Amino acid sequence: MRESTLLWLAIAGGSLGALTAQQVLRHKTRKEPFRSILMTIGVLHVGLGILWIAAPNLVEALSRMKASM
């Protein structure tokens, strides 16, 4: 499979699987910039996941701050 296809699949939500497969199968572990781009996509997905989990609490906290002003 082409690197661009693998990266698009990672962007579409398969970053955890791609990173896991890369380590388990030892495939493209030394290939740059593929490795760095894939890691960046994984970090982005983790950040978005944390933001999604924290968002309701952030909205509530901001509402309380606004009400107290």
C-alpha atoms as a PDB file:
ATOM      1  CA  MET A   1       0.000   0.000   0.000  1.00  0.00           C
ATOM      2  CA  ARG A   2       1.256   3.527  -0.727  1.00  0.00           C
ATOM      3  CA  GLU A   3       2.464   5.684   2.153  1.00  0.00           C
ATOM      4  CA  SER A   4      -0.038   8.398   1.286  1.00  0.00           C
ATOM      5  CA  THR A   5      -2.889   5.878   1.539  1.00  0.00           C
ATOM      6  CA  LEU A   6      -1.671   4.684   4.942  1.00  0.00           C
ATOM      7  CA  LEU A   7      -1.409   8.255   6.200  1.00  0.00           C
ATOM      8  CA  TRP A   8      -4.910   9.128   4.945  1.00  0.00           C
ATOM      9  CA  LEU A   9      -6.285   6.079   6.735  1.00  0.00           C
ATOM     10  CA  ALA A  10      -4.508   7.209   9.906  1.00  0.00           C
ATOM     11  CA  ILE A  11      -5.977  10.715   9.563  1.00  0.00           C
ATOM     12  CA  ALA A  12      -9.439   9.199   9.072  1.00  0.00           C
ATOM     13  CA  GLY A  13      -9.203   7.706  12.552  1.00  0.00           C
ATOM     14  CA  GLY A  14      -6.873   4.754  12.294  1.00  0.00           C
ATOM     15  CA  SER A  15      -3.835   6.315  13.934  1.00  0.00           C
ATOM     16  CA  LEU A  16      -3.873   4.033  16.983  1.00  0.00           C
ATOM     17  CA  GLY A  17      -4.050   0.938  14.776  1.00  0.00           C
ATOM     18  CA  ALA A  18      -1.379   2.280  12.428  1.00  0.00           C
ATOM     19  CA  LEU A  19       1.017   3.070  15.273  1.00  0.00           C
ATOM     20  CA  THR A  20       0.382  -0.312  16.891  1.00  0.00           C
ATOM     21  CA  ALA A  21       0.864  -2.200  13.625  1.00  0.00           C
ATOM     22  CA  GLN A  22       4.027  -0.228  12.894  1.00  0.00           C
ATOM     23  CA  GLN A  23       5.553  -1.377  16.182  1.00  0.00           C
ATOM     24  CA  VAL A  24       4.234  -4.959  16.203  1.00  0.00           C
ATOM     25  CA  LEU A  25       5.043  -5.689  12.564  1.00  0.00           C
ATOM     26  CA  ARG A  26       8.223  -3.535  12.570  1.00  0.00           C
ATOM     27  CA  HIS A  27       7.060  -1.948   9.321  1.00  0.00           C
ATOM     28  CA  LYS A  28       8.259   1.537   8.269  1.00  0.00           C
ATOM     29  CA  THR A  29       9.778   2.180  11.694  1.00  0.00           C
ATOM     30  CA  ARG A  30      12.846   3.909  10.207  1.00  0.00           C
ATOM     31  CA  LYS A  31      11.204   5.534   7.200  1.00  0.00           C
ATOM     32  CA  GLU A  32      11.206   9.335   7.463  1.00  0.00           C
ATOM     33  CA  PRO A  33       9.144  11.497   7.128  1.00  0.00           C
ATOM     34  CA  PHE A  34       6.430   8.806   7.289  1.00  0.00           C
ATOM     35  CA  ARG A  35       7.271   7.980  10.898  1.00  0.00           C
ATOM     36  CA  SER A  36       7.141  11.600  12.056  1.00  0.00           C
ATOM     37  CA  ILE A  37       3.929  12.363  10.199  1.00  0.00           C
ATOM     38  CA  LEU A  38       2.244   9.264  11.631  1.00  0.00           C
ATOM     39  CA  MET A  39       3.365  10.205  15.152  1.00  0.00           C
ATOM     40  CA  THR A  40       2.040  13.739  14.646  1.00  0.00           C
ATOM     41  CA  ILE A  41      -1.330  12.376  13.541  1.00  0.00           C
ATOM     42  CA  GLY A  42      -1.418  10.133  16.619  1.00  0.00           C
ATOM     43  CA  VAL A  43      -0.629  13.042  18.961  1.00  0.00           C
ATOM     44  CA  LEU A  44      -3.294  15.150  17.245  1.00  0.00           C
ATOM     45  CA  HIS A  45      -5.885  12.406  17.735  1.00  0.00           C
ATOM     46  CA  VAL A  46      -4.989  12.034  21.419  1.00  0.00           C
ATOM     47  CA  GLY A  47      -5.245  15.806  21.889  1.00  0.00           C
ATOM     48  CA  LEU A  48      -8.623  15.924  20.181  1.00  0.00           C
ATOM     49  CA  GLY A  49      -9.824  13.026  22.330  1.00  0.00           C
ATOM     50  CA  ILE A  50      -8.776  14.803  25.518  1.00  0.00           C
ATOM     51  CA  LEU A  51     -10.452  17.989  24.338  1.00  0.00           C
ATOM     52  CA  TRP A  52     -13.646  16.097  23.527  1.00  0.00           C
ATOM     53  CA  ILE A  53     -13.719  14.533  27.003  1.00  0.00           C
ATOM     54  CA  ALA A  54     -12.932  17.843  28.720  1.00  0.00           C
ATOM     55  CA  ALA A  55     -15.260  20.025  26.610  1.00  0.00           C
ATOM     56  CA  PRO A  56     -18.433  19.646  28.719  1.00  0.00           C
ATOM     57  CA  ASN A  57     -16.513  20.579  31.871  1.00  0.00           C
ATOM     58  CA  LEU A  58     -14.870  23.538  30.150  1.00  0.00           C
ATOM     59  CA  VAL A  59     -18.207  24.874  28.894  1.00  0.00           C
ATOM     60  CA  GLU A  60     -19.695  24.556  32.386  1.00  0.00           C
ATOM     61  CA  ALA A  61     -16.706  26.291  33.990  1.00  0.00           C
ATOM     62  CA  LEU A  62     -16.851  29.137  31.473  1.00  0.00           C
ATOM     63  CA  SER A  63     -20.584  29.548  32.082  1.00  0.00           C
ATOM     64  CA  ARG A  64     -19.987  29.808  35.837  1.00  0.00           C
ATOM     65  CA  MET A  65     -17.206  32.353  35.315  1.00  0.00           C
ATOM     66  CA  LYS A  66     -19.413  34.449  33.057  1.00  0.00           C
ATOM     67  CA  ALA A  67     -22.315  34.320  35.532  1.00  0.00           C
ATOM     68  CA  SER A  68     -20.108  35.443  38.424  1.00  0.00           C
ATOM     69  CA  MET A  69     -18.838  38.542  36.569  1.00  0.00           C
END
